[in-house]
Amino acid sequence: MNKKTSDIITNLSHHLLKRAKRDFSNDLYIESTKLFIEIVKTLSNEVIDKEALNNNNISEKENPAGANNEI
């Protein structure tokens, strides 16, 4: 996760959780919380997918001694 993603999550938490709890009815507050959770899951999955893609793009991995690993 990077700073930009962290900032997005923090800003959303204020808008969708703190503000919603203060200003919305219980039903809308709960729906806002559900939306926040879905957004954070999506952002987290994008980070995980990007990391997996980066790791899968490595064509050869070397062991610490420098020799190529055999499959």
PDB file of N, CA and C in Angstrom:
ATOM      1  N   MET A   1       0.857  -1.170   0.000  1.00  0.00           N
ATOM      2  CA  MET A   1       0.000   0.000   0.000  1.00  0.00           C
ATOM      3  C   MET A   1       0.901   1.230   0.000  1.00  0.00           C
ATOM      4  N   ASN A   2       0.452   2.248  -0.685  1.00  0.00           N
ATOM      5  CA  ASN A   2       1.249   3.473  -0.725  1.00  0.00           C
ATOM      6  C   ASN A   2       0.526   4.609   0.008  1.00  0.00           C
ATOM      7  N   LYS A   3       1.182   5.751   0.077  1.00  0.00           N
ATOM      8  CA  LYS A   3       0.638   6.912   0.801  1.00  0.00           C
ATOM      9  C   LYS A   3      -0.675   7.379   0.200  1.00  0.00           C
ATOM     10  N   LYS A   4      -0.769   7.379  -1.113  1.00  0.00           N
ATOM     11  CA  LYS A   4      -1.990   7.846  -1.777  1.00  0.00           C
ATOM     12  C   LYS A   4      -3.185   6.972  -1.391  1.00  0.00           C
ATOM     13  N   THR A   5      -3.006   5.663  -1.418  1.00  0.00           N
ATOM     14  CA  THR A   5      -4.087   4.752  -1.047  1.00  0.00           C
ATOM     15  C   THR A   5      -4.445   4.926   0.424  1.00  0.00           C
ATOM     16  N   SER A   6      -3.459   5.080   1.264  1.00  0.00           N
ATOM     17  CA  SER A   6      -3.707   5.308   2.692  1.00  0.00           C
ATOM     18  C   SER A   6      -4.492   6.597   2.914  1.00  0.00           C
ATOM     19  N   ASP A   7      -4.131   7.639   2.186  1.00  0.00           N
ATOM     20  CA  ASP A   7      -4.847   8.916   2.304  1.00  0.00           C
ATOM     21  C   ASP A   7      -6.303   8.781   1.855  1.00  0.00           C
ATOM     22  N   ILE A   8      -6.525   8.039   0.783  1.00  0.00           N
ATOM     23  CA  ILE A   8      -7.888   7.827   0.297  1.00  0.00           C
ATOM     24  C   ILE A   8      -8.727   7.118   1.365  1.00  0.00           C
ATOM     25  N   ILE A   9      -8.169   6.074   1.954  1.00  0.00           N
ATOM     26  CA  ILE A   9      -8.888   5.325   2.983  1.00  0.00           C
ATOM     27  C   ILE A   9      -9.168   6.207   4.196  1.00  0.00           C
ATOM     28  N   THR A  10      -8.204   6.995   4.602  1.00  0.00           N
ATOM     29  CA  THR A  10      -8.389   7.883   5.752  1.00  0.00           C
ATOM     30  C   THR A  10      -9.475   8.917   5.481  1.00  0.00           C
ATOM     31  N   ASN A  11      -9.440   9.524   4.294  1.00  0.00           N
ATOM     32  CA  ASN A  11     -10.458  10.513   3.943  1.00  0.00           C
ATOM     33  C   ASN A  11     -11.842   9.884   3.853  1.00  0.00           C
ATOM     34  N   LEU A  12     -11.914   8.693   3.298  1.00  0.00           N
ATOM     35  CA  LEU A  12     -13.198   7.997   3.224  1.00  0.00           C
ATOM     36  C   LEU A  12     -13.723   7.643   4.606  1.00  0.00           C
ATOM     37  N   SER A  13     -12.816   7.281   5.502  1.00  0.00           N
ATOM     38  CA  SER A  13     -13.268   6.923   6.847  1.00  0.00           C
ATOM     39  C   SER A  13     -13.921   8.122   7.524  1.00  0.00           C
ATOM     40  N   HIS A  14     -13.379   9.290   7.300  1.00  0.00           N
ATOM     41  CA  HIS A  14     -13.988  10.484   7.883  1.00  0.00           C
ATOM     42  C   HIS A  14     -15.361  10.733   7.261  1.00  0.00           C
ATOM     43  N   HIS A  15     -15.419  10.680   5.947  1.00  0.00           N
ATOM     44  CA  HIS A  15     -16.655  10.998   5.238  1.00  0.00           C
ATOM     45  C   HIS A  15     -17.725   9.922   5.424  1.00  0.00           C
ATOM     46  N   LEU A  16     -17.345   8.663   5.283  1.00  0.00           N
ATOM     47  CA  LEU A  16     -18.327   7.586   5.285  1.00  0.00           C
ATOM     48  C   LEU A  16     -18.588   6.982   6.665  1.00  0.00           C
ATOM     49  N   LEU A  17     -17.722   7.265   7.632  1.00  0.00           N
ATOM     50  CA  LEU A  17     -17.928   6.698   8.960  1.00  0.00           C
ATOM     51  C   LEU A  17     -18.209   7.773  10.011  1.00  0.00           C
ATOM     52  N   LYS A  18     -17.253   8.636  10.251  1.00  0.00           N
ATOM     53  CA  LYS A  18     -17.427   9.634  11.307  1.00  0.00           C
ATOM     54  C   LYS A  18     -18.579  10.589  11.000  1.00  0.00           C
ATOM     55  N   ARG A  19     -18.568  11.159   9.812  1.00  0.00           N
ATOM     56  CA  ARG A  19     -19.612  12.102   9.441  1.00  0.00           C
ATOM     57  C   ARG A  19     -20.969  11.402   9.354  1.00  0.00           C
ATOM     58  N   ALA A  20     -20.972  10.197   8.795  1.00  0.00           N
ATOM     59  CA  ALA A  20     -22.228   9.452   8.666  1.00  0.00           C
ATOM     60  C   ALA A  20     -22.814   9.125  10.042  1.00  0.00           C
ATOM     61  N   LYS A  21     -21.979   8.753  10.978  1.00  0.00           N
ATOM     62  CA  LYS A  21     -22.462   8.438  12.323  1.00  0.00           C
ATOM     63  C   LYS A  21     -23.082   9.673  12.978  1.00  0.00           C
ATOM     64  N   ARG A  22     -22.464  10.802  12.742  1.00  0.00           N
ATOM     65  CA  ARG A  22     -22.935  12.043  13.346  1.00  0.00           C
ATOM     66  C   ARG A  22     -24.208  12.555  12.677  1.00  0.00           C
ATOM     67  N   ASP A  23     -24.292  12.462  11.337  1.00  0.00           N
ATOM     68  CA  ASP A  23     -25.344  13.158  10.596  1.00  0.00           C
ATOM     69  C   ASP A  23     -26.466  12.283  10.049  1.00  0.00           C
ATOM     70  N   PHE A  24     -26.253  10.978   9.955  1.00  0.00           N
ATOM     71  CA  PHE A  24     -27.235  10.117   9.295  1.00  0.00           C
ATOM     72  C   PHE A  24     -28.077   9.345  10.303  1.00  0.00           C
ATOM     73  N   SER A  25     -29.198   8.839   9.823  1.00  0.00           N
ATOM     74  CA  SER A  25     -29.993   7.907  10.624  1.00  0.00           C
ATOM     75  C   SER A  25     -29.194   6.615  10.776  1.00  0.00           C
ATOM     76  N   ASN A  26     -29.623   5.766  11.697  1.00  0.00           N
ATOM     77  CA  ASN A  26     -28.909   4.503  11.907  1.00  0.00           C
ATOM     78  C   ASN A  26     -28.844   3.666  10.642  1.00  0.00           C
ATOM     79  N   ASP A  27     -29.938   3.597   9.898  1.00  0.00           N
ATOM     80  CA  ASP A  27     -29.960   2.799   8.670  1.00  0.00           C
ATOM     81  C   ASP A  27     -28.959   3.319   7.640  1.00  0.00           C
ATOM     82  N   LEU A  28     -28.927   4.635   7.440  1.00  0.00           N
ATOM     83  CA  LEU A  28     -27.982   5.207   6.476  1.00  0.00           C
ATOM     84  C   LEU A  28     -26.544   5.080   6.953  1.00  0.00           C
ATOM     85  N   TYR A  29     -26.347   5.208   8.253  1.00  0.00           N
ATOM     86  CA  TYR A  29     -25.008   5.037   8.819  1.00  0.00           C
ATOM     87  C   TYR A  29     -24.505   3.617   8.565  1.00  0.00           C
ATOM     88  N   ILE A  30     -25.349   2.619   8.769  1.00  0.00           N
ATOM     89  CA  ILE A  30     -24.965   1.231   8.527  1.00  0.00           C
ATOM     90  C   ILE A  30     -24.660   1.009   7.050  1.00  0.00           C
ATOM     91  N   GLU A  31     -25.471   1.559   6.169  1.00  0.00           N
ATOM     92  CA  GLU A  31     -25.218   1.431   4.729  1.00  0.00           C
ATOM     93  C   GLU A  31     -23.913   2.125   4.338  1.00  0.00           C
ATOM     94  N   SER A  32     -23.649   3.249   4.942  1.00  0.00           N
ATOM     95  CA  SER A  32     -22.407   3.962   4.674  1.00  0.00           C
ATOM     96  C   SER A  32     -21.198   3.150   5.138  1.00  0.00           C
ATOM     97  N   THR A  33     -21.333   2.488   6.265  1.00  0.00           N
ATOM     98  CA  THR A  33     -20.267   1.626   6.778  1.00  0.00           C
ATOM     99  C   THR A  33     -20.020   0.458   5.826  1.00  0.00           C
ATOM    100  N   LYS A  34     -21.098  -0.147   5.330  1.00  0.00           N
ATOM    101  CA  LYS A  34     -20.965  -1.238   4.367  1.00  0.00           C
ATOM    102  C   LYS A  34     -20.246  -0.763   3.104  1.00  0.00           C
ATOM    103  N   LEU A  35     -20.606   0.427   2.629  1.00  0.00           N
ATOM    104  CA  LEU A  35     -19.955   0.984   1.443  1.00  0.00           C
ATOM    105  C   LEU A  35     -18.469   1.205   1.695  1.00  0.00           C
ATOM    106  N   PHE A  36     -18.133   1.735   2.853  1.00  0.00           N
ATOM    107  CA  PHE A  36     -16.726   1.947   3.216  1.00  0.00           C
ATOM    108  C   PHE A  36     -15.958   0.631   3.171  1.00  0.00           C
ATOM    109  N   ILE A  37     -16.535  -0.417   3.746  1.00  0.00           N
ATOM    110  CA  ILE A  37     -15.873  -1.723   3.761  1.00  0.00           C
ATOM    111  C   ILE A  37     -15.638  -2.232   2.347  1.00  0.00           C
ATOM    112  N   GLU A  38     -16.620  -2.100   1.473  1.00  0.00           N
ATOM    113  CA  GLU A  38     -16.476  -2.557   0.088  1.00  0.00           C
ATOM    114  C   GLU A  38     -15.392  -1.771  -0.657  1.00  0.00           C
ATOM    115  N   ILE A  39     -15.337  -0.471  -0.433  1.00  0.00           N
ATOM    116  CA  ILE A  39     -14.315   0.357  -1.087  1.00  0.00           C
ATOM    117  C   ILE A  39     -12.927  -0.036  -0.610  1.00  0.00           C
ATOM    118  N   VAL A  40     -12.767  -0.227   0.694  1.00  0.00           N
ATOM    119  CA  VAL A  40     -11.460  -0.606   1.241  1.00  0.00           C
ATOM    120  C   VAL A  40     -11.050  -1.984   0.729  1.00  0.00           C
ATOM    121  N   LYS A  41     -11.993  -2.918   0.636  1.00  0.00           N
ATOM    122  CA  LYS A  41     -11.682  -4.234   0.070  1.00  0.00           C
ATOM    123  C   LYS A  41     -11.177  -4.098  -1.363  1.00  0.00           C
ATOM    124  N   THR A  42     -11.861  -3.272  -2.141  1.00  0.00           N
ATOM    125  CA  THR A  42     -11.460  -3.065  -3.538  1.00  0.00           C
ATOM    126  C   THR A  42     -10.067  -2.465  -3.620  1.00  0.00           C
ATOM    127  N   LEU A  43      -9.803  -1.447  -2.825  1.00  0.00           N
ATOM    128  CA  LEU A  43      -8.478  -0.824  -2.831  1.00  0.00           C
ATOM    129  C   LEU A  43      -7.414  -1.815  -2.386  1.00  0.00           C
ATOM    130  N   SER A  44      -7.712  -2.614  -1.375  1.00  0.00           N
ATOM    131  CA  SER A  44      -6.757  -3.609  -0.891  1.00  0.00           C
ATOM    132  C   SER A  44      -6.485  -4.669  -1.951  1.00  0.00           C
ATOM    133  N   ASN A  45      -7.521  -5.128  -2.618  1.00  0.00           N
ATOM    134  CA  ASN A  45      -7.352  -6.136  -3.665  1.00  0.00           C
ATOM    135  C   ASN A  45      -6.533  -5.599  -4.827  1.00  0.00           C
ATOM    136  N   GLU A  46      -6.690  -4.324  -5.162  1.00  0.00           N
ATOM    137  CA  GLU A  46      -5.883  -3.736  -6.230  1.00  0.00           C
ATOM    138  C   GLU A  46      -4.415  -3.751  -5.855  1.00  0.00           C
ATOM    139  N   VAL A  47      -4.118  -3.470  -4.614  1.00  0.00           N
ATOM    140  CA  VAL A  47      -2.725  -3.494  -4.145  1.00  0.00           C
ATOM    141  C   VAL A  47      -2.196  -4.920  -4.209  1.00  0.00           C
ATOM    142  N   ILE A  48      -2.968  -5.876  -3.736  1.00  0.00           N
ATOM    143  CA  ILE A  48      -2.539  -7.279  -3.750  1.00  0.00           C
ATOM    144  C   ILE A  48      -2.360  -7.758  -5.181  1.00  0.00           C
ATOM    145  N   ASP A  49      -3.306  -7.425  -6.074  1.00  0.00           N
ATOM    146  CA  ASP A  49      -3.209  -7.825  -7.472  1.00  0.00           C
ATOM    147  C   ASP A  49      -1.971  -7.235  -8.131  1.00  0.00           C
ATOM    148  N   LYS A  50      -1.685  -5.973  -7.848  1.00  0.00           N
ATOM    149  CA  LYS A  50      -0.522  -5.313  -8.435  1.00  0.00           C
ATOM    150  C   LYS A  50       0.765  -5.969  -7.955  1.00  0.00           C
ATOM    151  N   GLU A  51       0.830  -6.288  -6.662  1.00  0.00           N
ATOM    152  CA  GLU A  51       2.024  -6.946  -6.123  1.00  0.00           C
ATOM    153  C   GLU A  51       2.194  -8.332  -6.725  1.00  0.00           C
ATOM    154  N   ALA A  52       1.099  -9.057  -6.875  1.00  0.00           N
ATOM    155  CA  ALA A  52       1.162 -10.401  -7.471  1.00  0.00           C
ATOM    156  C   ALA A  52       1.621 -10.299  -8.917  1.00  0.00           C
ATOM    157  N   LEU A  53       1.109  -9.333  -9.646  1.00  0.00           N
ATOM    158  CA  LEU A  53       1.506  -9.144 -11.031  1.00  0.00           C
ATOM    159  C   LEU A  53       2.995  -8.830 -11.124  1.00  0.00           C
ATOM    160  N   ASN A  54       3.479  -7.974 -10.259  1.00  0.00           N
ATOM    161  CA  ASN A  54       4.906  -7.634 -10.262  1.00  0.00           C
ATOM    162  C   ASN A  54       5.761  -8.864  -9.958  1.00  0.00           C
ATOM    163  N   ASN A  55       5.338  -9.677  -9.000  1.00  0.00           N
ATOM    164  CA  ASN A  55       6.097 -10.875  -8.647  1.00  0.00           C
ATOM    165  C   ASN A  55       6.042 -11.915  -9.752  1.00  0.00           C
ATOM    166  N   ASN A  56       4.935 -12.018 -10.462  1.00  0.00           N
ATOM    167  CA  ASN A  56       4.796 -12.990 -11.534  1.00  0.00           C
ATOM    168  C   ASN A  56       5.537 -12.581 -12.797  1.00  0.00           C
ATOM    169  N   ASN A  57       5.918 -11.326 -12.903  1.00  0.00           N
ATOM    170  CA  ASN A  57       6.635 -10.851 -14.078  1.00  0.00           C
ATOM    171  C   ASN A  57       8.136 -11.123 -14.009  1.00  0.00           C
ATOM    172  N   ILE A  58       8.595 -11.669 -12.900  1.00  0.00           N
ATOM    173  CA  ILE A  58      10.010 -12.005 -12.771  1.00  0.00           C
ATOM    174  C   ILE A  58      10.228 -13.329 -13.491  1.00  0.00           C
ATOM    175  N   SER A  59      11.030 -13.302 -14.559  1.00  0.00           N
ATOM    176  CA  SER A  59      11.181 -14.501 -15.378  1.00  0.00           C
ATOM    177  C   SER A  59      12.110 -15.526 -14.749  1.00  0.00           C
ATOM    178  N   GLU A  60      13.167 -15.077 -14.099  1.00  0.00           N
ATOM    179  CA  GLU A  60      14.084 -16.002 -13.439  1.00  0.00           C
ATOM    180  C   GLU A  60      14.367 -15.488 -12.054  1.00  0.00           C
ATOM    181  N   LYS A  61      14.289 -16.386 -11.102  1.00  0.00           N
ATOM    182  CA  LYS A  61      14.659 -16.027  -9.738  1.00  0.00           C
ATOM    183  C   LYS A  61      15.971 -16.702  -9.426  1.00  0.00           C
ATOM    184  N   GLU A  62      16.816 -15.985  -8.737  1.00  0.00           N
ATOM    185  CA  GLU A  62      18.114 -16.549  -8.376  1.00  0.00           C
ATOM    186  C   GLU A  62      18.125 -16.846  -6.885  1.00  0.00           C
ATOM    187  N   ASN A  63      18.855 -17.900  -6.531  1.00  0.00           N
ATOM    188  CA  ASN A  63      19.002 -18.179  -5.112  1.00  0.00           C
ATOM    189  C   ASN A  63      20.105 -17.279  -4.560  1.00  0.00           C
ATOM    190  N   PRO A  64      20.285 -17.224  -3.256  1.00  0.00           N
ATOM    191  CA  PRO A  64      21.274 -16.327  -2.673  1.00  0.00           C
ATOM    192  C   PRO A  64      22.697 -16.543  -3.185  1.00  0.00           C
ATOM    193  N   ALA A  65      23.012 -17.741  -3.640  1.00  0.00           N
ATOM    194  CA  ALA A  65      24.364 -18.009  -4.150  1.00  0.00           C
ATOM    195  C   ALA A  65      24.531 -17.495  -5.576  1.00  0.00           C
ATOM    196  N   GLY A  66      23.443 -17.092  -6.215  1.00  0.00           N
ATOM    197  CA  GLY A  66      23.530 -16.548  -7.565  1.00  0.00           C
ATOM    198  C   GLY A  66      23.214 -17.539  -8.661  1.00  0.00           C
ATOM    199  N   ALA A  67      23.014 -18.812  -8.326  1.00  0.00           N
ATOM    200  CA  ALA A  67      22.695 -19.811  -9.359  1.00  0.00           C
ATOM    201  C   ALA A  67      21.195 -19.768  -9.643  1.00  0.00           C
ATOM    202  N   ASN A  68      20.816 -20.013 -10.881  1.00  0.00           N
ATOM    203  CA  ASN A  68      19.412 -20.036 -11.245  1.00  0.00           C
ATOM    204  C   ASN A  68      18.704 -21.218 -10.598  1.00  0.00           C
ATOM    205  N   ASN A  69      17.485 -20.964 -10.127  1.00  0.00           N
ATOM    206  CA  ASN A  69      16.689 -22.050  -9.557  1.00  0.00           C
ATOM    207  C   ASN A  69      16.163 -22.914 -10.681  1.00  0.00           C
ATOM    208  N   GLU A  70      16.167 -24.216 -10.468  1.00  0.00           N
ATOM    209  CA  GLU A  70      15.619 -25.129 -11.471  1.00  0.00           C
ATOM    210  C   GLU A  70      14.218 -25.531 -11.045  1.00  0.00           C
ATOM    211  N   ILE A  71      13.350 -25.695 -12.027  1.00  0.00           N
ATOM    212  CA  ILE A  71      11.975 -26.104 -11.748  1.00  0.00           C
ATOM    213  C   ILE A  71      11.826 -27.554 -12.086  1.00  0.00           C
TER     214      ILE A  71
END
